[in-house]
Amino acid sequence: MRLFVTIVFLLTMCASGCATVVSGKYQTISVTSDPPGVKVKSSSGPYLITPGSLQLRRNEDHTLVAEYAGSDPQQRELKHKLQGWFWGNILLGGIIGGVVDLSTGASDKLVPDKVHFDFTTTGQAIEARKRSYLESHPDTTDEVRFAILSELARKGMKKDELIASFGEPNKVIEKGKYEVFIYENRKPKSYYFKYGVLEKTK
């Protein structure tokens, strides 16, 4: 009997939208800063004083802008993407569950789910580097722009784009057909370029 009830519950959950039940249409985004006490406002309206968290809709892109006295504002972007629960819902609950998830926005997740603003001298220098690169390269694709602003690596990046995102590598070595950028303070720490384009990391 208990097994039967469990099965009925799972089927009902999936039919009504697995991701909607499990995730909800809002996602909690953790926001911190160095130093703390920084005002951060999202493009969708909510704001906070760090440290804290924001409840943001999963199916929308968001821009967070942090302001700290005596410093240039800093910006972070959050992108929404389809999450794995959606496909599980389609398989287990059928089209109806998937439609529910899509309509509520619960089918998506925001990336990244943690944001940090650094207003120390080092942090401001990093922001200036990223901003300078993007201003001098207005044709940068949206995907690469997002990676640079979020200090991420993306397959297909050029060497100068990775440097804009991470800064100069600690070491550059030749390894067979690859030119390898090594960053000692990152995981993964090795970034393999072939013909000047990022092909893999390790």
Protein backbone atom coordinates (compact mmCIF):
# COMPACT_ATOMS: atom_id res chain seq x y z
CA MET A 1 0.00 0.00 0.00
CA ARG A 2 2.81 2.40 0.90
CA LEU A 3 4.53 1.67 -2.41
CA PHE A 4 1.29 2.31 -4.27
CA VAL A 5 0.83 5.68 -2.54
CA THR A 6 4.43 6.64 -3.33
CA ILE A 7 3.98 5.79 -7.01
CA VAL A 8 0.75 7.75 -7.22
CA PHE A 9 2.44 10.75 -5.57
CA LEU A 10 5.36 10.68 -8.01
CA LEU A 11 3.11 10.39 -11.03
CA THR A 12 0.94 13.25 -9.77
CA MET A 13 4.03 15.38 -9.14
CA CYS A 14 5.33 14.77 -12.65
CA ALA A 15 1.93 15.35 -14.29
CA SER A 16 1.66 18.69 -12.57
CA GLY A 17 5.22 19.66 -13.44
CA CYS A 18 8.19 18.04 -11.70
CA ALA A 19 10.44 21.07 -11.89
CA THR A 20 7.61 23.34 -10.75
CA VAL A 21 7.11 21.23 -7.64
CA VAL A 22 10.80 20.69 -6.92
CA SER A 23 12.34 24.02 -7.99
CA GLY A 24 9.62 26.64 -8.16
CA LYS A 25 9.69 29.56 -10.56
CA TYR A 26 12.13 31.60 -8.43
CA GLN A 27 15.76 30.83 -7.64
CA THR A 28 17.79 31.99 -4.66
CA ILE A 29 20.97 33.79 -5.73
CA SER A 30 23.61 34.32 -3.06
CA VAL A 31 25.33 37.73 -3.27
CA THR A 32 28.47 38.66 -1.33
CA SER A 33 31.06 41.42 -1.55
CA ASP A 34 34.44 42.52 -0.27
CA PRO A 35 33.99 44.67 1.75
CA PRO A 36 30.42 43.83 2.85
CA GLY A 37 27.68 46.45 2.98
CA VAL A 38 27.47 47.04 -0.78
CA LYS A 39 24.13 47.89 -2.42
CA VAL A 40 23.28 45.50 -5.24
CA LYS A 41 20.27 45.99 -7.49
CA SER A 42 18.92 43.59 -10.10
CA SER A 43 17.57 44.66 -13.49
CA SER A 44 14.24 43.06 -12.51
CA GLY A 45 13.82 45.30 -9.45
CA PRO A 46 14.86 43.56 -6.19
CA TYR A 47 17.90 44.90 -4.33
CA LEU A 48 19.89 44.10 -1.20
CA ILE A 49 22.80 45.16 0.95
CA THR A 50 25.50 42.49 0.96
CA PRO A 51 25.77 39.81 2.14
CA GLY A 52 22.35 38.46 1.28
CA SER A 53 20.31 36.72 -1.36
CA LEU A 54 17.88 37.62 -4.12
CA GLN A 55 14.83 35.69 -5.30
CA LEU A 56 14.90 35.96 -9.09
CA ARG A 57 12.74 34.41 -11.80
CA ARG A 58 14.39 31.38 -13.34
CA ASN A 59 13.25 31.99 -16.92
CA GLU A 60 14.72 35.47 -17.33
CA ASP A 61 18.22 36.87 -17.73
CA HIS A 62 19.23 39.30 -15.00
CA THR A 63 21.91 41.95 -14.57
CA LEU A 64 23.17 42.77 -11.08
CA VAL A 65 24.79 46.16 -10.51
CA ALA A 66 26.76 46.87 -7.34
CA GLU A 67 27.57 50.38 -6.14
CA TYR A 68 30.23 51.26 -3.59
CA ALA A 69 31.20 54.79 -2.60
CA GLY A 70 34.32 56.06 -4.36
CA SER A 71 34.41 53.21 -6.89
CA ASP A 72 33.04 52.55 -10.35
CA PRO A 73 29.91 50.35 -10.33
CA GLN A 74 30.44 46.64 -10.99
CA GLN A 75 28.16 44.44 -13.05
CA ARG A 76 27.40 40.71 -13.17
CA GLU A 77 25.11 38.90 -15.56
CA LEU A 78 22.93 35.87 -14.83
CA LYS A 79 21.78 33.71 -17.75
CA HIS A 80 18.89 31.27 -17.72
CA LYS A 81 19.18 27.80 -19.24
CA LEU A 82 17.06 24.67 -19.36
CA GLN A 83 17.72 22.36 -16.43
CA GLY A 84 17.80 18.56 -16.31
CA TRP A 85 14.53 18.25 -14.38
CA PHE A 86 12.68 19.37 -17.49
CA TRP A 87 13.70 16.34 -19.54
CA GLY A 88 12.96 14.00 -16.63
CA ASN A 89 9.53 15.56 -16.43
CA ILE A 90 8.89 14.94 -20.12
CA LEU A 91 9.93 11.29 -19.78
CA LEU A 92 7.99 10.59 -16.58
CA GLY A 93 5.11 13.03 -16.66
CA GLY A 94 4.63 13.59 -20.38
CA ILE A 95 4.00 16.72 -22.36
CA ILE A 96 1.57 18.21 -19.82
CA GLY A 97 4.22 18.34 -17.10
CA GLY A 98 6.68 19.90 -19.51
CA VAL A 99 4.19 22.55 -20.59
CA VAL A 100 3.50 23.41 -16.92
CA ASP A 101 7.21 23.81 -16.23
CA LEU A 102 7.76 25.97 -19.30
CA SER A 103 4.77 28.18 -18.51
CA THR A 104 5.87 28.80 -14.91
CA GLY A 105 9.55 29.17 -15.74
CA ALA A 106 10.54 26.32 -13.40
CA SER A 107 12.12 24.49 -16.33
CA ASP A 108 15.09 26.88 -16.22
CA LYS A 109 17.94 27.66 -13.85
CA LEU A 110 20.10 30.74 -13.45
CA VAL A 111 23.87 30.61 -13.95
CA PRO A 112 25.82 31.39 -11.85
CA ASP A 113 23.89 30.85 -8.62
CA LYS A 114 26.47 32.72 -6.52
CA VAL A 115 27.77 36.22 -7.23
CA HIS A 116 30.66 38.06 -5.59
CA PHE A 117 31.68 41.68 -6.02
CA ASP A 118 35.23 42.71 -5.17
CA PHE A 119 35.83 46.38 -4.43
CA THR A 120 39.35 45.91 -3.09
CA THR A 121 42.21 47.44 -5.08
CA THR A 122 42.84 44.10 -6.77
CA GLY A 123 39.16 43.58 -7.54
CA GLN A 124 38.80 47.01 -9.09
CA ALA A 125 41.86 46.40 -11.28
CA ILE A 126 40.28 43.16 -12.53
CA GLU A 127 37.04 44.96 -13.32
CA ALA A 128 38.92 47.69 -15.17
CA ARG A 129 40.72 45.05 -17.25
CA LYS A 130 37.48 43.35 -18.27
CA ARG A 131 35.72 46.64 -18.98
CA SER A 132 38.65 47.95 -21.04
CA TYR A 133 38.72 44.83 -23.20
CA LEU A 134 34.99 44.81 -23.87
CA GLU A 135 34.92 48.53 -24.66
CA SER A 136 37.74 48.09 -27.20
CA HIS A 137 36.13 44.97 -28.70
CA PRO A 138 32.46 45.89 -29.26
CA ASP A 139 32.01 42.93 -31.64
CA THR A 140 32.57 40.39 -28.83
CA THR A 141 29.81 37.76 -28.92
CA ASP A 142 27.23 37.67 -26.15
CA GLU A 143 28.50 34.26 -24.99
CA VAL A 144 32.11 35.41 -24.69
CA ARG A 145 31.07 38.73 -23.12
CA PHE A 146 29.16 36.80 -20.47
CA ALA A 147 32.19 34.55 -19.86
CA ILE A 148 34.54 37.53 -19.46
CA LEU A 149 32.24 39.40 -17.09
CA SER A 150 31.74 36.22 -15.02
CA GLU A 151 35.46 35.28 -15.15
CA LEU A 152 34.74 31.99 -16.92
CA ALA A 153 36.44 30.06 -19.70
CA ARG A 154 34.49 29.04 -22.79
CA LYS A 155 35.54 26.63 -25.52
CA GLY A 156 36.27 28.62 -28.66
CA MET A 157 37.65 31.63 -26.77
CA LYS A 158 40.71 33.37 -28.19
CA LYS A 159 43.81 33.90 -26.07
CA ASP A 160 43.20 37.60 -25.52
CA GLU A 161 39.61 36.85 -24.47
CA LEU A 162 40.76 34.36 -21.84
CA ILE A 163 43.32 36.88 -20.57
CA ALA A 164 40.55 39.49 -20.35
CA SER A 165 38.57 37.03 -18.23
CA PHE A 166 41.36 35.57 -16.04
CA GLY A 167 44.34 37.90 -16.39
CA GLU A 168 47.80 36.90 -17.53
CA PRO A 169 48.62 33.19 -16.96
CA ASN A 170 51.29 32.17 -14.47
CA LYS A 171 53.01 30.18 -17.19
CA VAL A 172 52.73 29.45 -20.91
CA ILE A 173 54.19 26.21 -22.31
CA GLU A 174 54.20 24.34 -25.59
CA LYS A 175 52.77 20.82 -25.37
CA GLY A 176 52.69 19.03 -28.70
CA LYS A 177 50.27 20.84 -30.97
CA TYR A 178 48.96 22.97 -28.10
CA GLU A 179 49.94 26.22 -26.44
CA VAL A 180 48.99 25.82 -22.78
CA PHE A 181 48.08 28.66 -20.43
CA ILE A 182 48.57 27.64 -16.80
CA TYR A 183 46.79 29.41 -13.94
CA GLU A 184 47.99 28.16 -10.56
CA ASN A 185 45.02 29.58 -8.64
CA ARG A 186 42.25 28.02 -10.77
CA LYS A 187 40.61 24.67 -11.35
CA PRO A 188 41.04 23.47 -14.02
CA LYS A 189 44.39 25.19 -14.23
CA SER A 190 45.54 24.26 -17.76
CA TYR A 191 43.91 25.80 -20.85
CA TYR A 192 44.87 24.32 -24.21
CA PHE A 193 44.91 26.55 -27.29
CA LYS A 194 45.19 25.22 -30.82
CA TYR A 195 45.73 27.82 -33.55
CA GLY A 196 44.97 30.50 -30.95
CA VAL A 197 41.55 29.09 -30.00
CA LEU A 198 40.69 27.43 -26.68
CA GLU A 199 40.03 23.76 -27.40
CA LYS A 200 40.09 22.04 -24.00
CA THR A 201 40.93 22.42 -20.31
CA LYS A 202 42.56 20.08 -17.82
